[in-house]
């Protein structure tokens, strides 16, 4: 049985984002990848919890792709997380539906890498803002993998964006071939 990837995009203004659009286009080229745009599926934030849980059950690698808003996820993804990853499904007693699945976070930031330092504008390294994602993985029994970060996404050249997109695509292909990201 071949592995399957659920690629969850959470970008409220995808038509304004060159970087996220390129990343998504690269991921759409892969077989065994289900592309799921939350803002397209739920423009009024009415999430079909059972449908989302079934999609999660049917995939082996879960990828979140989104811009890093105020050092966090966009609001619809947070609502999705709160409603879909409920006790009894994703964690807690009998909540083992995601146990053993792999997780990869792919984000774009408008700030450069040097803004994510103790001396920089954001005061912390970008990975320090990811503890809530790691905790989600821990509670759900998912395997945390190194995040994929594209800094300066608005200032990067197309070549730099494609390098990032190809890296994520390669990581996903590796997972599809070997079963781990």
C-alpha atoms as a PDB file:
ATOM      1  CA  UNK A   1       0.000   0.000   0.000  1.00  0.00           C
ATOM      2  CA  UNK A   2       1.435   3.354  -0.973  1.00  0.00           C
ATOM      3  CA  UNK A   3       1.734   6.225   1.457  1.00  0.00           C
ATOM      4  CA  UNK A   4      -0.518   9.243   1.114  1.00  0.00           C
ATOM      5  CA  UNK A   5       0.097  12.902   1.926  1.00  0.00           C
ATOM      6  CA  UNK A   6      -2.477  15.457   3.042  1.00  0.00           C
ATOM      7  CA  UNK A   7      -1.220  18.920   2.103  1.00  0.00           C
ATOM      8  CA  UNK A   8      -3.272  21.471   4.057  1.00  0.00           C
ATOM      9  CA  UNK A   9      -2.978  25.021   2.785  1.00  0.00           C
ATOM     10  CA  UNK A  10      -4.158  27.840   5.035  1.00  0.00           C
ATOM     11  CA  UNK A  11      -3.664  31.122   3.212  1.00  0.00           C
ATOM     12  CA  UNK A  12      -6.513  33.640   3.211  1.00  0.00           C
ATOM     13  CA  UNK A  13      -5.032  35.576   0.262  1.00  0.00           C
ATOM     14  CA  UNK A  14      -3.340  32.968  -1.908  1.00  0.00           C
ATOM     15  CA  UNK A  15      -3.897  35.085  -5.024  1.00  0.00           C
ATOM     16  CA  UNK A  16      -1.550  37.711  -3.473  1.00  0.00           C
ATOM     17  CA  UNK A  17       1.233  35.264  -2.580  1.00  0.00           C
ATOM     18  CA  UNK A  18       3.725  34.292  -5.235  1.00  0.00           C
ATOM     19  CA  UNK A  19       5.724  32.086  -2.860  1.00  0.00           C
ATOM     20  CA  UNK A  20       2.805  30.078  -1.470  1.00  0.00           C
ATOM     21  CA  UNK A  21       1.309  29.666  -4.941  1.00  0.00           C
ATOM     22  CA  UNK A  22       4.592  28.277  -6.302  1.00  0.00           C
ATOM     23  CA  UNK A  23       4.946  25.912  -3.332  1.00  0.00           C
ATOM     24  CA  UNK A  24       1.381  24.681  -3.839  1.00  0.00           C
ATOM     25  CA  UNK A  25       1.852  24.231  -7.586  1.00  0.00           C
ATOM     26  CA  UNK A  26       4.971  22.129  -6.981  1.00  0.00           C
ATOM     27  CA  UNK A  27       3.175  19.935  -4.443  1.00  0.00           C
ATOM     28  CA  UNK A  28       0.191  19.456  -6.769  1.00  0.00           C
ATOM     29  CA  UNK A  29       2.518  17.749  -9.252  1.00  0.00           C
ATOM     30  CA  UNK A  30       3.030  14.802  -6.913  1.00  0.00           C
ATOM     31  CA  UNK A  31       0.887  11.689  -6.990  1.00  0.00           C
ATOM     32  CA  UNK A  32      -0.516  10.415  -3.695  1.00  0.00           C
ATOM     33  CA  UNK A  33      -0.804  14.012  -2.445  1.00  0.00           C
ATOM     34  CA  UNK A  34      -4.223  15.391  -1.556  1.00  0.00           C
ATOM     35  CA  UNK A  35      -4.222  19.175  -1.852  1.00  0.00           C
ATOM     36  CA  UNK A  36      -6.646  20.770   0.607  1.00  0.00           C
ATOM     37  CA  UNK A  37      -7.126  24.557   0.649  1.00  0.00           C
ATOM     38  CA  UNK A  38      -8.945  25.406   3.883  1.00  0.00           C
ATOM     39  CA  UNK A  39      -9.917  28.928   2.837  1.00  0.00           C
ATOM     40  CA  UNK A  40     -11.385  27.611  -0.407  1.00  0.00           C
ATOM     41  CA  UNK A  41     -13.222  24.768   1.354  1.00  0.00           C
ATOM     42  CA  UNK A  42     -14.505  26.862   4.270  1.00  0.00           C
ATOM     43  CA  UNK A  43     -14.860  30.531   3.256  1.00  0.00           C
ATOM     44  CA  UNK A  44     -17.361  31.065   6.076  1.00  0.00           C
ATOM     45  CA  UNK A  45     -15.341  29.044   8.625  1.00  0.00           C
ATOM     46  CA  UNK A  46     -18.022  26.304   8.869  1.00  0.00           C
ATOM     47  CA  UNK A  47     -15.704  23.316   9.127  1.00  0.00           C
ATOM     48  CA  UNK A  48     -17.022  19.836   8.358  1.00  0.00           C
ATOM     49  CA  UNK A  49     -15.307  18.129  11.302  1.00  0.00           C
ATOM     50  CA  UNK A  50     -16.157  14.538  10.347  1.00  0.00           C
ATOM     51  CA  UNK A  51     -14.950  15.059   6.755  1.00  0.00           C
ATOM     52  CA  UNK A  52     -11.695  16.564   7.998  1.00  0.00           C
ATOM     53  CA  UNK A  53     -11.153  13.750  10.483  1.00  0.00           C
ATOM     54  CA  UNK A  54     -11.748  11.165   7.772  1.00  0.00           C
ATOM     55  CA  UNK A  55      -9.188  12.875   5.530  1.00  0.00           C
ATOM     56  CA  UNK A  56      -6.658  12.799   8.369  1.00  0.00           C
ATOM     57  CA  UNK A  57      -7.325   9.099   8.975  1.00  0.00           C
ATOM     58  CA  UNK A  58      -6.696   8.324   5.300  1.00  0.00           C
ATOM     59  CA  UNK A  59      -3.275   9.972   5.057  1.00  0.00           C
ATOM     60  CA  UNK A  60       0.143   9.135   6.457  1.00  0.00           C
ATOM     61  CA  UNK A  61       1.905  12.508   6.266  1.00  0.00           C
ATOM     62  CA  UNK A  62       0.187  15.752   7.218  1.00  0.00           C
ATOM     63  CA  UNK A  63       1.729  18.970   5.880  1.00  0.00           C
ATOM     64  CA  UNK A  64       0.625  22.426   7.002  1.00  0.00           C
ATOM     65  CA  UNK A  65       1.498  25.191   4.523  1.00  0.00           C
ATOM     66  CA  UNK A  66       0.817  28.770   5.518  1.00  0.00           C
ATOM     67  CA  UNK A  67       2.194  32.259   5.960  1.00  0.00           C
ATOM     68  CA  UNK A  68       3.474  32.950   9.456  1.00  0.00           C
ATOM     69  CA  UNK A  69       0.998  35.517  10.813  1.00  0.00           C
ATOM     70  CA  UNK A  70       2.132  37.214  13.998  1.00  0.00           C
ATOM     71  CA  UNK A  71       4.438  34.244  14.579  1.00  0.00           C
ATOM     72  CA  UNK A  72       1.536  31.826  14.386  1.00  0.00           C
ATOM     73  CA  UNK A  73      -0.966  30.159  12.077  1.00  0.00           C
ATOM     74  CA  UNK A  74      -3.778  31.964  10.237  1.00  0.00           C
ATOM     75  CA  UNK A  75      -7.152  32.051  12.049  1.00  0.00           C
ATOM     76  CA  UNK A  76      -8.950  29.391   9.996  1.00  0.00           C
ATOM     77  CA  UNK A  77      -6.168  26.871  10.616  1.00  0.00           C
ATOM     78  CA  UNK A  78      -6.338  27.585  14.345  1.00  0.00           C
ATOM     79  CA  UNK A  79     -10.103  27.033  14.297  1.00  0.00           C
ATOM     80  CA  UNK A  80      -9.553  23.847  12.254  1.00  0.00           C
ATOM     81  CA  UNK A  81      -7.034  22.641  14.836  1.00  0.00           C
ATOM     82  CA  UNK A  82      -9.388  23.446  17.741  1.00  0.00           C
ATOM     83  CA  UNK A  83     -12.408  21.730  16.179  1.00  0.00           C
ATOM     84  CA  UNK A  84     -10.945  18.823  14.194  1.00  0.00           C
ATOM     85  CA  UNK A  85      -8.244  17.647  16.595  1.00  0.00           C
ATOM     86  CA  UNK A  86     -10.715  16.985  19.368  1.00  0.00           C
ATOM     87  CA  UNK A  87     -10.380  14.742  22.410  1.00  0.00           C
ATOM     88  CA  UNK A  88     -11.357  11.172  21.651  1.00  0.00           C
ATOM     89  CA  UNK A  89     -10.165  11.555  18.076  1.00  0.00           C
ATOM     90  CA  UNK A  90      -6.694  13.087  18.114  1.00  0.00           C
ATOM     91  CA  UNK A  91      -5.735  12.797  21.775  1.00  0.00           C
ATOM     92  CA  UNK A  92      -6.981  11.674  25.167  1.00  0.00           C
ATOM     93  CA  UNK A  93      -8.811   8.479  25.917  1.00  0.00           C
ATOM     94  CA  UNK A  94      -9.347   6.562  22.644  1.00  0.00           C
ATOM     95  CA  UNK A  95      -7.889   9.535  20.759  1.00  0.00           C
ATOM     96  CA  UNK A  96      -5.276   7.746  18.693  1.00  0.00           C
ATOM     97  CA  UNK A  97      -6.403   8.423  15.104  1.00  0.00           C
ATOM     98  CA  UNK A  98      -3.199  10.345  14.314  1.00  0.00           C
ATOM     99  CA  UNK A  99      -0.764   8.195  16.260  1.00  0.00           C
ATOM    100  CA  UNK A 100       2.326   7.380  14.211  1.00  0.00           C
ATOM    101  CA  UNK A 101       1.522   9.769  11.369  1.00  0.00           C
ATOM    102  CA  UNK A 102       4.224  12.163  10.244  1.00  0.00           C
ATOM    103  CA  UNK A 103       3.867  15.939  10.357  1.00  0.00           C
ATOM    104  CA  UNK A 104       5.731  18.669   8.482  1.00  0.00           C
ATOM    105  CA  UNK A 105       5.229  22.400   8.916  1.00  0.00           C
ATOM    106  CA  UNK A 106       6.068  24.588   5.931  1.00  0.00           C
ATOM    107  CA  UNK A 107       5.795  28.328   6.437  1.00  0.00           C
ATOM    108  CA  UNK A 108       6.632  31.542   4.679  1.00  0.00           C
ATOM    109  CA  UNK A 109       7.703  34.637   6.594  1.00  0.00           C
ATOM    110  CA  UNK A 110       7.899  38.172   5.334  1.00  0.00           C
ATOM    111  CA  UNK A 111      10.846  38.825   7.656  1.00  0.00           C
ATOM    112  CA  UNK A 112      14.395  37.808   6.885  1.00  0.00           C
ATOM    113  CA  UNK A 113      16.188  35.121   8.867  1.00  0.00           C
ATOM    114  CA  UNK A 114      18.143  37.751  10.808  1.00  0.00           C
ATOM    115  CA  UNK A 115      14.896  39.215  12.182  1.00  0.00           C
ATOM    116  CA  UNK A 116      14.427  35.867  13.961  1.00  0.00           C
ATOM    117  CA  UNK A 117      17.397  36.190  16.315  1.00  0.00           C
ATOM    118  CA  UNK A 118      17.789  37.461  19.879  1.00  0.00           C
ATOM    119  CA  UNK A 119      19.055  40.750  18.429  1.00  0.00           C
ATOM    120  CA  UNK A 120      16.456  40.861  15.660  1.00  0.00           C
ATOM    121  CA  UNK A 121      13.046  42.445  15.406  1.00  0.00           C
ATOM    122  CA  UNK A 122      11.231  39.251  16.492  1.00  0.00           C
ATOM    123  CA  UNK A 123      13.577  38.604  19.464  1.00  0.00           C
ATOM    124  CA  UNK A 124      13.402  34.804  19.089  1.00  0.00           C
ATOM    125  CA  UNK A 125      14.520  32.219  16.563  1.00  0.00           C
ATOM    126  CA  UNK A 126      11.694  31.127  14.287  1.00  0.00           C
ATOM    127  CA  UNK A 127      11.823  27.601  15.718  1.00  0.00           C
ATOM    128  CA  UNK A 128      11.018  28.975  19.178  1.00  0.00           C
ATOM    129  CA  UNK A 129       7.596  30.008  17.875  1.00  0.00           C
ATOM    130  CA  UNK A 130       6.860  26.426  16.839  1.00  0.00           C
ATOM    131  CA  UNK A 131       6.484  24.862  20.265  1.00  0.00           C
ATOM    132  CA  UNK A 132       2.682  24.823  19.932  1.00  0.00           C
ATOM    133  CA  UNK A 133       2.988  22.796  16.714  1.00  0.00           C
ATOM    134  CA  UNK A 134       5.402  20.396  18.399  1.00  0.00           C
ATOM    135  CA  UNK A 135       3.026  20.079  21.346  1.00  0.00           C
ATOM    136  CA  UNK A 136       0.170  19.312  18.937  1.00  0.00           C
ATOM    137  CA  UNK A 137       2.280  16.498  17.491  1.00  0.00           C
ATOM    138  CA  UNK A 138       3.184  15.218  20.953  1.00  0.00           C
ATOM    139  CA  UNK A 139      -0.436  15.175  22.176  1.00  0.00           C
ATOM    140  CA  UNK A 140      -1.643  13.525  18.966  1.00  0.00           C
ATOM    141  CA  UNK A 141       1.187  10.979  18.815  1.00  0.00           C
ATOM    142  CA  UNK A 142       2.442  12.321  15.484  1.00  0.00           C
ATOM    143  CA  UNK A 143       6.076  12.390  14.440  1.00  0.00           C
ATOM    144  CA  UNK A 144       7.472  15.941  14.373  1.00  0.00           C
ATOM    145  CA  UNK A 145       9.832  16.616  11.477  1.00  0.00           C
ATOM    146  CA  UNK A 146      12.058  19.641  10.947  1.00  0.00           C
ATOM    147  CA  UNK A 147      10.013  22.625   9.764  1.00  0.00           C
ATOM    148  CA  UNK A 148      10.561  24.061   6.312  1.00  0.00           C
ATOM    149  CA  UNK A 149      10.868  27.854   6.470  1.00  0.00           C
ATOM    150  CA  UNK A 150      11.063  30.303   3.602  1.00  0.00           C
ATOM    151  CA  UNK A 151      12.174  33.643   5.027  1.00  0.00           C
ATOM    152  CA  UNK A 152      11.767  36.945   3.162  1.00  0.00           C
ATOM    153  CA  UNK A 153       9.105  35.369   0.992  1.00  0.00           C
ATOM    154  CA  UNK A 154       8.065  38.688  -0.553  1.00  0.00           C
ATOM    155  CA  UNK A 155      11.616  39.725  -1.386  1.00  0.00           C
ATOM    156  CA  UNK A 156      12.963  36.419  -2.700  1.00  0.00           C
ATOM    157  CA  UNK A 157      13.658  35.856  -6.350  1.00  0.00           C
ATOM    158  CA  UNK A 158      11.606  33.256  -8.175  1.00  0.00           C
ATOM    159  CA  UNK A 159      14.687  31.016  -8.195  1.00  0.00           C
ATOM    160  CA  UNK A 160      14.951  31.195  -4.383  1.00  0.00           C
ATOM    161  CA  UNK A 161      11.257  30.372  -4.011  1.00  0.00           C
ATOM    162  CA  UNK A 162      11.583  27.418  -6.396  1.00  0.00           C
ATOM    163  CA  UNK A 163      14.559  26.104  -4.396  1.00  0.00           C
ATOM    164  CA  UNK A 164      12.404  26.075  -1.251  1.00  0.00           C
ATOM    165  CA  UNK A 165       9.446  24.521  -3.095  1.00  0.00           C
ATOM    166  CA  UNK A 166      11.676  21.824  -4.576  1.00  0.00           C
ATOM    167  CA  UNK A 167      13.134  21.064  -1.149  1.00  0.00           C
ATOM    168  CA  UNK A 168       9.644  20.509   0.294  1.00  0.00           C
ATOM    169  CA  UNK A 169       8.657  18.499  -2.759  1.00  0.00           C
ATOM    170  CA  UNK A 170      11.804  16.360  -2.378  1.00  0.00           C
ATOM    171  CA  UNK A 171      11.098  15.788   1.297  1.00  0.00           C
ATOM    172  CA  UNK A 172       7.577  14.670   0.394  1.00  0.00           C
ATOM    173  CA  UNK A 173       8.852  12.371  -2.369  1.00  0.00           C
ATOM    174  CA  UNK A 174      11.282  10.827   0.109  1.00  0.00           C
ATOM    175  CA  UNK A 175       8.387  10.174   2.465  1.00  0.00           C
ATOM    176  CA  UNK A 176       6.327   8.606  -0.312  1.00  0.00           C
ATOM    177  CA  UNK A 177       9.242   6.316  -1.213  1.00  0.00           C
ATOM    178  CA  UNK A 178      10.497   5.389   2.258  1.00  0.00           C
ATOM    179  CA  UNK A 179       7.615   6.100   4.596  1.00  0.00           C
ATOM    180  CA  UNK A 180       9.269   8.798   6.723  1.00  0.00           C
ATOM    181  CA  UNK A 181       9.931  12.478   6.148  1.00  0.00           C
END
